[in-house]
């Protein structure tokens, strides 16, 4: 399978940012609307990038 490097790089950034967000939530022990929105946006972009990766390259 042929991956596009830009999508792989952005997915890696999303994963690291999501891990950081999760660590902040666990460390501070609070889960406010900002954290919820952040995780929702991260999940949305991650699924979009994974979907784009699954498409055969043109």
PDB file of N, CA and C in Angstrom:
ATOM      1  N   UNK A   1       0.845  -1.194   0.000  1.00  0.00           N
ATOM      2  CA  UNK A   1       0.000   0.000   0.000  1.00  0.00           C
ATOM      3  C   UNK A   1       0.884   1.251   0.000  1.00  0.00           C
ATOM      4  N   UNK A   2       0.508   2.209  -0.810  1.00  0.00           N
ATOM      5  CA  UNK A   2       1.320   3.421  -0.954  1.00  0.00           C
ATOM      6  C   UNK A   2       0.719   4.535  -0.104  1.00  0.00           C
ATOM      7  N   UNK A   3       1.512   5.031   0.853  1.00  0.00           N
ATOM      8  CA  UNK A   3       1.044   6.109   1.724  1.00  0.00           C
ATOM      9  C   UNK A   3       1.585   7.451   1.255  1.00  0.00           C
ATOM     10  N   UNK A   4       0.752   8.464   1.418  1.00  0.00           N
ATOM     11  CA  UNK A   4       1.204   9.819   1.121  1.00  0.00           C
ATOM     12  C   UNK A   4       1.876  10.385   2.366  1.00  0.00           C
ATOM     13  N   UNK A   5       3.125  10.843   2.238  1.00  0.00           N
ATOM     14  CA  UNK A   5       3.885  11.257   3.434  1.00  0.00           C
ATOM     15  C   UNK A   5       3.252  12.410   4.199  1.00  0.00           C
ATOM     16  N   UNK A   6       2.568  13.313   3.516  1.00  0.00           N
ATOM     17  CA  UNK A   6       1.945  14.449   4.217  1.00  0.00           C
ATOM     18  C   UNK A   6       0.842  13.954   5.139  1.00  0.00           C
ATOM     19  N   UNK A   7       0.040  12.999   4.664  1.00  0.00           N
ATOM     20  CA  UNK A   7      -1.036  12.470   5.491  1.00  0.00           C
ATOM     21  C   UNK A   7      -0.487  11.687   6.668  1.00  0.00           C
ATOM     22  N   UNK A   8       0.565  10.911   6.429  1.00  0.00           N
ATOM     23  CA  UNK A   8       1.176  10.151   7.527  1.00  0.00           C
ATOM     24  C   UNK A   8       1.748  11.100   8.569  1.00  0.00           C
ATOM     25  N   UNK A   9       2.401  12.168   8.124  1.00  0.00           N
ATOM     26  CA  UNK A   9       2.980  13.136   9.057  1.00  0.00           C
ATOM     27  C   UNK A   9       1.891  13.834   9.868  1.00  0.00           C
ATOM     28  N   UNK A  10       0.800  14.236   9.207  1.00  0.00           N
ATOM     29  CA  UNK A  10      -0.268  14.919   9.935  1.00  0.00           C
ATOM     30  C   UNK A  10      -0.953  13.969  10.911  1.00  0.00           C
ATOM     31  N   UNK A  11      -1.061  12.676  10.534  1.00  0.00           N
ATOM     32  CA  UNK A  11      -1.630  11.704  11.459  1.00  0.00           C
ATOM     33  C   UNK A  11      -0.736  11.540  12.685  1.00  0.00           C
ATOM     34  N   UNK A  12       0.574  11.527  12.469  1.00  0.00           N
ATOM     35  CA  UNK A  12       1.519  11.411  13.582  1.00  0.00           C
ATOM     36  C   UNK A  12       1.408  12.623  14.512  1.00  0.00           C
ATOM     37  N   UNK A  13       1.255  13.813  13.932  1.00  0.00           N
ATOM     38  CA  UNK A  13       1.091  15.025  14.744  1.00  0.00           C
ATOM     39  C   UNK A  13      -0.193  14.948  15.551  1.00  0.00           C
ATOM     40  N   UNK A  14      -1.277  14.470  14.910  1.00  0.00           N
ATOM     41  CA  UNK A  14      -2.552  14.343  15.616  1.00  0.00           C
ATOM     42  C   UNK A  14      -2.443  13.361  16.776  1.00  0.00           C
ATOM     43  N   UNK A  15      -1.757  12.238  16.543  1.00  0.00           N
ATOM     44  CA  UNK A  15      -1.625  11.235  17.598  1.00  0.00           C
ATOM     45  C   UNK A  15      -0.840  11.809  18.779  1.00  0.00           C
ATOM     46  N   UNK A  16       0.258  12.513  18.491  1.00  0.00           N
ATOM     47  CA  UNK A  16       1.057  13.076  19.578  1.00  0.00           C
ATOM     48  C   UNK A  16       0.283  14.172  20.312  1.00  0.00           C
ATOM     49  N   UNK A  17      -0.459  14.996  19.572  1.00  0.00           N
ATOM     50  CA  UNK A  17      -1.247  16.050  20.202  1.00  0.00           C
ATOM     51  C   UNK A  17      -2.368  15.450  21.047  1.00  0.00           C
ATOM     52  N   UNK A  18      -2.980  14.381  20.535  1.00  0.00           N
ATOM     53  CA  UNK A  18      -4.027  13.705  21.295  1.00  0.00           C
ATOM     54  C   UNK A  18      -3.494  13.078  22.567  1.00  0.00           C
ATOM     55  N   UNK A  19      -2.296  12.504  22.477  1.00  0.00           N
ATOM     56  CA  UNK A  19      -1.666  11.933  23.671  1.00  0.00           C
ATOM     57  C   UNK A  19      -1.392  13.019  24.697  1.00  0.00           C
ATOM     58  N   UNK A  20      -0.906  14.166  24.229  1.00  0.00           N
ATOM     59  CA  UNK A  20      -0.642  15.287  25.129  1.00  0.00           C
ATOM     60  C   UNK A  20      -1.932  15.774  25.784  1.00  0.00           C
ATOM     61  N   UNK A  21      -3.002  15.883  24.996  1.00  0.00           N
ATOM     62  CA  UNK A  21      -4.289  16.313  25.536  1.00  0.00           C
ATOM     63  C   UNK A  21      -4.794  15.327  26.585  1.00  0.00           C
ATOM     64  N   UNK A  22      -4.672  14.031  26.266  1.00  0.00           N
ATOM     65  CA  UNK A  22      -5.086  13.009  27.232  1.00  0.00           C
ATOM     66  C   UNK A  22      -4.277  13.081  28.519  1.00  0.00           C
ATOM     67  N   UNK A  23      -2.974  13.333  28.386  1.00  0.00           N
ATOM     68  CA  UNK A  23      -2.119  13.444  29.577  1.00  0.00           C
ATOM     69  C   UNK A  23      -2.532  14.644  30.419  1.00  0.00           C
ATOM     70  N   UNK A  24      -2.850  15.761  29.771  1.00  0.00           N
ATOM     71  CA  UNK A  24      -3.284  16.959  30.504  1.00  0.00           C
ATOM     72  C   UNK A  24      -4.588  16.681  31.249  1.00  0.00           C
ATOM     73  N   UNK A  25      -5.521  15.981  30.574  1.00  0.00           N
ATOM     74  CA  UNK A  25      -6.801  15.658  31.213  1.00  0.00           C
ATOM     75  C   UNK A  25      -6.570  14.778  32.444  1.00  0.00           C
ATOM     76  N   UNK A  26      -5.725  13.748  32.302  1.00  0.00           N
ATOM     77  CA  UNK A  26      -5.472  12.841  33.416  1.00  0.00           C
ATOM     78  C   UNK A  26      -4.691  13.558  34.529  1.00  0.00           C
ATOM     79  N   UNK A  27      -3.714  14.368  34.127  1.00  0.00           N
ATOM     80  CA  UNK A  27      -2.841  15.018  35.101  1.00  0.00           C
ATOM     81  C   UNK A  27      -3.598  16.057  35.922  1.00  0.00           C
ATOM     82  N   UNK A  28      -4.399  16.889  35.269  1.00  0.00           N
ATOM     83  CA  UNK A  28      -5.109  17.935  35.988  1.00  0.00           C
ATOM     84  C   UNK A  28      -6.385  17.401  36.629  1.00  0.00           C
ATOM     85  N   UNK A  29      -6.889  16.264  36.135  1.00  0.00           N
ATOM     86  CA  UNK A  29      -8.076  15.661  36.724  1.00  0.00           C
ATOM     87  C   UNK A  29      -9.357  16.404  36.382  1.00  0.00           C
ATOM     88  N   UNK A  30      -9.305  17.271  35.396  1.00  0.00           N
ATOM     89  CA  UNK A  30     -10.531  17.973  35.017  1.00  0.00           C
ATOM     90  C   UNK A  30     -10.808  17.747  33.543  1.00  0.00           C
ATOM     91  N   UNK A  31     -12.090  17.660  33.214  1.00  0.00           N
ATOM     92  CA  UNK A  31     -12.482  17.438  31.829  1.00  0.00           C
ATOM     93  C   UNK A  31     -13.556  18.461  31.496  1.00  0.00           C
ATOM     94  N   UNK A  32     -13.112  19.628  31.039  1.00  0.00           N
ATOM     95  CA  UNK A  32     -14.039  20.706  30.738  1.00  0.00           C
ATOM     96  C   UNK A  32     -14.470  20.688  29.290  1.00  0.00           C
ATOM     97  N   UNK A  33     -15.272  21.665  28.887  1.00  0.00           N
ATOM     98  CA  UNK A  33     -15.725  21.731  27.495  1.00  0.00           C
ATOM     99  C   UNK A  33     -14.586  21.918  26.507  1.00  0.00           C
ATOM    100  N   UNK A  34     -13.518  22.614  26.938  1.00  0.00           N
ATOM    101  CA  UNK A  34     -12.382  22.834  26.038  1.00  0.00           C
ATOM    102  C   UNK A  34     -11.708  21.505  25.680  1.00  0.00           C
ATOM    103  N   UNK A  35     -11.516  20.657  26.692  1.00  0.00           N
ATOM    104  CA  UNK A  35     -10.907  19.344  26.433  1.00  0.00           C
ATOM    105  C   UNK A  35     -11.810  18.483  25.564  1.00  0.00           C
ATOM    106  N   UNK A  36     -13.104  18.544  25.795  1.00  0.00           N
ATOM    107  CA  UNK A  36     -14.047  17.748  25.008  1.00  0.00           C
ATOM    108  C   UNK A  36     -14.027  18.187  23.546  1.00  0.00           C
ATOM    109  N   UNK A  37     -14.044  19.499  23.315  1.00  0.00           N
ATOM    110  CA  UNK A  37     -14.004  20.020  21.949  1.00  0.00           C
ATOM    111  C   UNK A  37     -12.693  19.641  21.280  1.00  0.00           C
ATOM    112  N   UNK A  38     -11.596  19.735  22.030  1.00  0.00           N
ATOM    113  CA  UNK A  38     -10.290  19.397  21.492  1.00  0.00           C
ATOM    114  C   UNK A  38     -10.243  17.938  21.038  1.00  0.00           C
ATOM    115  N   UNK A  39     -10.738  17.026  21.889  1.00  0.00           N
ATOM    116  CA  UNK A  39     -10.742  15.603  21.532  1.00  0.00           C
ATOM    117  C   UNK A  39     -11.678  15.335  20.354  1.00  0.00           C
ATOM    118  N   UNK A  40     -12.809  16.021  20.314  1.00  0.00           N
ATOM    119  CA  UNK A  40     -13.755  15.839  19.213  1.00  0.00           C
ATOM    120  C   UNK A  40     -13.132  16.257  17.889  1.00  0.00           C
ATOM    121  N   UNK A  41     -12.477  17.422  17.876  1.00  0.00           N
ATOM    122  CA  UNK A  41     -11.813  17.901  16.655  1.00  0.00           C
ATOM    123  C   UNK A  41     -10.682  16.956  16.255  1.00  0.00           C
ATOM    124  N   UNK A  42      -9.893  16.500  17.246  1.00  0.00           N
ATOM    125  CA  UNK A  42      -8.810  15.557  16.958  1.00  0.00           C
ATOM    126  C   UNK A  42      -9.346  14.278  16.335  1.00  0.00           C
ATOM    127  N   UNK A  43     -10.419  13.751  16.899  1.00  0.00           N
ATOM    128  CA  UNK A  43     -11.002  12.525  16.362  1.00  0.00           C
ATOM    129  C   UNK A  43     -11.529  12.721  14.948  1.00  0.00           C
ATOM    130  N   UNK A  44     -12.168  13.858  14.713  1.00  0.00           N
ATOM    131  CA  UNK A  44     -12.705  14.160  13.389  1.00  0.00           C
ATOM    132  C   UNK A  44     -11.585  14.200  12.346  1.00  0.00           C
ATOM    133  N   UNK A  45     -10.508  14.914  12.655  1.00  0.00           N
ATOM    134  CA  UNK A  45      -9.389  15.007  11.716  1.00  0.00           C
ATOM    135  C   UNK A  45      -8.696  13.658  11.540  1.00  0.00           C
ATOM    136  N   UNK A  46      -8.554  12.905  12.630  1.00  0.00           N
ATOM    137  CA  UNK A  46      -7.892  11.599  12.545  1.00  0.00           C
ATOM    138  C   UNK A  46      -8.667  10.662  11.630  1.00  0.00           C
ATOM    139  N   UNK A  47      -9.997  10.632  11.779  1.00  0.00           N
ATOM    140  CA  UNK A  47     -10.798   9.767  10.913  1.00  0.00           C
ATOM    141  C   UNK A  47     -10.743  10.235   9.468  1.00  0.00           C
ATOM    142  N   UNK A  48     -10.700  11.540   9.264  1.00  0.00           N
ATOM    143  CA  UNK A  48     -10.576  12.068   7.902  1.00  0.00           C
ATOM    144  C   UNK A  48      -9.259  11.670   7.257  1.00  0.00           C
ATOM    145  N   UNK A  49      -8.169  11.760   8.023  1.00  0.00           N
ATOM    146  CA  UNK A  49      -6.857  11.406   7.484  1.00  0.00           C
ATOM    147  C   UNK A  49      -6.769   9.903   7.225  1.00  0.00           C
ATOM    148  N   UNK A  50      -7.306   9.091   8.165  1.00  0.00           N
ATOM    149  CA  UNK A  50      -7.284   7.643   7.968  1.00  0.00           C
ATOM    150  C   UNK A  50      -8.116   7.270   6.742  1.00  0.00           C
ATOM    151  N   UNK A  51      -9.254   7.935   6.568  1.00  0.00           N
ATOM    152  CA  UNK A  51     -10.077   7.682   5.386  1.00  0.00           C
ATOM    153  C   UNK A  51      -9.358   8.053   4.107  1.00  0.00           C
ATOM    154  N   UNK A  52      -8.619   9.162   4.136  1.00  0.00           N
ATOM    155  CA  UNK A  52      -7.863   9.570   2.951  1.00  0.00           C
ATOM    156  C   UNK A  52      -6.721   8.593   2.677  1.00  0.00           C
ATOM    157  N   UNK A  53      -6.133   8.045   3.732  1.00  0.00           N
ATOM    158  CA  UNK A  53      -5.047   7.079   3.551  1.00  0.00           C
ATOM    159  C   UNK A  53      -5.558   5.781   2.931  1.00  0.00           C
ATOM    160  N   UNK A  54      -6.806   5.420   3.238  1.00  0.00           N
ATOM    161  CA  UNK A  54      -7.344   4.169   2.732  1.00  0.00           C
ATOM    162  C   UNK A  54      -7.735   4.264   1.256  1.00  0.00           C
ATOM    163  N   UNK A  55      -7.888   5.484   0.760  1.00  0.00           N
ATOM    164  CA  UNK A  55      -8.208   5.654  -0.665  1.00  0.00           C
ATOM    165  C   UNK A  55      -6.995   5.281  -1.503  1.00  0.00           C
ATOM    166  N   UNK A  56      -7.189   4.571  -2.611  1.00  0.00           N
ATOM    167  CA  UNK A  56      -6.040   4.297  -3.478  1.00  0.00           C
ATOM    168  C   UNK A  56      -5.536   5.593  -4.107  1.00  0.00           C
ATOM    169  N   UNK A  57      -4.229   5.778  -4.157  1.00  0.00           N
ATOM    170  CA  UNK A  57      -3.678   7.016  -4.728  1.00  0.00           C
ATOM    171  C   UNK A  57      -4.002   7.130  -6.211  1.00  0.00           C
ATOM    172  N   UNK A  58      -4.245   8.355  -6.636  1.00  0.00           N
ATOM    173  CA  UNK A  58      -4.586   8.582  -8.046  1.00  0.00           C
ATOM    174  C   UNK A  58      -3.364   8.385  -8.917  1.00  0.00           C
TER     175      UNK A  58
END
